Amino acid sequence: MALGRALILAMLTLLACDVIGGFIAVASGVDTWDHAWGFDTEYTVPLPVGVLAVAQAKRLRRQR
């Protein structure tokens, strides 16, 4: 049970850092909105992948 919580916390932290980094990249003009969170991004995790990872972590937690 503790492992599931730790995994969810780690994934949410990663997702939050990714979103903040994307906003910084867009605000500084390094990246565009579409490129910052799309599948061909170079600087961040694609947003859909991060959301799916959190969903998977929650699903694994429920199975235990």
C-alpha atoms as a PDB file:
ATOM      1  CA  MET A   1       0.000   0.000   0.000  1.00  0.00           C
ATOM      2  CA  ALA A   2       2.805   2.435   0.844  1.00  0.00           C
ATOM      3  CA  LEU A   3       4.509   1.676  -2.470  1.00  0.00           C
ATOM      4  CA  GLY A   4       1.348   2.633  -4.388  1.00  0.00           C
ATOM      5  CA  ARG A   5       1.112   5.941  -2.531  1.00  0.00           C
ATOM      6  CA  ALA A   6       4.781   6.680  -3.116  1.00  0.00           C
ATOM      7  CA  LEU A   7       4.393   5.943  -6.827  1.00  0.00           C
ATOM      8  CA  ILE A   8       1.357   8.210  -7.133  1.00  0.00           C
ATOM      9  CA  LEU A   9       3.125  11.000  -5.223  1.00  0.00           C
ATOM     10  CA  ALA A  10       6.215  10.647  -7.413  1.00  0.00           C
ATOM     11  CA  MET A  11       4.169  10.731 -10.623  1.00  0.00           C
ATOM     12  CA  LEU A  12       2.144  13.748  -9.489  1.00  0.00           C
ATOM     13  CA  THR A  13       5.369  15.535  -8.553  1.00  0.00           C
ATOM     14  CA  LEU A  14       6.865  14.712 -11.954  1.00  0.00           C
ATOM     15  CA  LEU A  15       3.711  15.895 -13.717  1.00  0.00           C
ATOM     16  CA  ALA A  16       3.661  19.158 -11.718  1.00  0.00           C
ATOM     17  CA  CYS A  17       7.331  19.835 -12.503  1.00  0.00           C
ATOM     18  CA  ASP A  18       6.681  19.061 -16.155  1.00  0.00           C
ATOM     19  CA  VAL A  19       3.746  21.481 -16.363  1.00  0.00           C
ATOM     20  CA  ILE A  20       5.710  24.211 -14.580  1.00  0.00           C
ATOM     21  CA  GLY A  21       8.663  23.628 -16.909  1.00  0.00           C
ATOM     22  CA  GLY A  22       6.373  23.819 -19.917  1.00  0.00           C
ATOM     23  CA  PHE A  23       4.964  27.140 -18.751  1.00  0.00           C
ATOM     24  CA  ILE A  24       8.474  28.491 -18.216  1.00  0.00           C
ATOM     25  CA  ALA A  25       9.536  27.338 -21.687  1.00  0.00           C
ATOM     26  CA  VAL A  26       6.495  28.974 -23.297  1.00  0.00           C
ATOM     27  CA  ALA A  27       6.839  32.182 -21.265  1.00  0.00           C
ATOM     28  CA  SER A  28      10.506  32.543 -22.163  1.00  0.00           C
ATOM     29  CA  GLY A  29       9.813  31.969 -25.851  1.00  0.00           C
ATOM     30  CA  VAL A  30      11.855  28.772 -26.102  1.00  0.00           C
ATOM     31  CA  ASP A  31       8.818  26.658 -26.985  1.00  0.00           C
ATOM     32  CA  THR A  32       5.249  26.963 -28.257  1.00  0.00           C
ATOM     33  CA  TRP A  33       2.137  25.633 -26.500  1.00  0.00           C
ATOM     34  CA  ASP A  34       1.699  22.773 -28.980  1.00  0.00           C
ATOM     35  CA  HIS A  35       5.322  21.773 -28.930  1.00  0.00           C
ATOM     36  CA  ALA A  36       5.766  22.062 -25.146  1.00  0.00           C
ATOM     37  CA  TRP A  37       3.257  19.310 -24.397  1.00  0.00           C
ATOM     38  CA  GLY A  38       2.935  17.457 -27.693  1.00  0.00           C
ATOM     39  CA  PHE A  39       4.373  14.068 -28.551  1.00  0.00           C
ATOM     40  CA  ASP A  40       7.391  15.500 -30.395  1.00  0.00           C
ATOM     41  CA  THR A  41       8.601  17.578 -27.455  1.00  0.00           C
ATOM     42  CA  GLU A  42      12.283  17.798 -26.584  1.00  0.00           C
ATOM     43  CA  TYR A  43      12.182  19.391 -23.136  1.00  0.00           C
ATOM     44  CA  THR A  44       9.210  17.941 -21.267  1.00  0.00           C
ATOM     45  CA  VAL A  45       7.275  14.708 -20.924  1.00  0.00           C
ATOM     46  CA  PRO A  46       4.304  14.726 -23.294  1.00  0.00           C
ATOM     47  CA  LEU A  47       1.318  15.726 -21.167  1.00  0.00           C
ATOM     48  CA  PRO A  48      -0.874  12.780 -22.274  1.00  0.00           C
ATOM     49  CA  VAL A  49       1.884  10.363 -21.256  1.00  0.00           C
ATOM     50  CA  GLY A  50       2.126  11.946 -17.807  1.00  0.00           C
ATOM     51  CA  VAL A  51      -1.624  11.764 -17.284  1.00  0.00           C
ATOM     52  CA  LEU A  52      -1.710   8.125 -18.379  1.00  0.00           C
ATOM     53  CA  ALA A  53       1.166   7.287 -16.000  1.00  0.00           C
ATOM     54  CA  VAL A  54      -0.728   8.769 -13.045  1.00  0.00           C
ATOM     55  CA  ALA A  55      -3.876   6.883 -14.059  1.00  0.00           C
ATOM     56  CA  GLN A  56      -1.908   3.638 -14.255  1.00  0.00           C
ATOM     57  CA  ALA A  57      -0.398   4.231 -10.823  1.00  0.00           C
ATOM     58  CA  LYS A  58      -3.876   4.746  -9.373  1.00  0.00           C
ATOM     59  CA  ARG A  59      -5.133   1.588 -11.085  1.00  0.00           C
ATOM     60  CA  LEU A  60      -2.231  -0.447  -9.655  1.00  0.00           C
ATOM     61  CA  ARG A  61      -2.954   0.938  -6.208  1.00  0.00           C
ATOM     62  CA  ARG A  62      -6.595  -0.195  -6.413  1.00  0.00           C
ATOM     63  CA  GLN A  63      -5.554  -3.734  -7.438  1.00  0.00           C
ATOM     64  CA  ARG A  64      -3.584  -4.303  -4.259  1.00  0.00           C
END
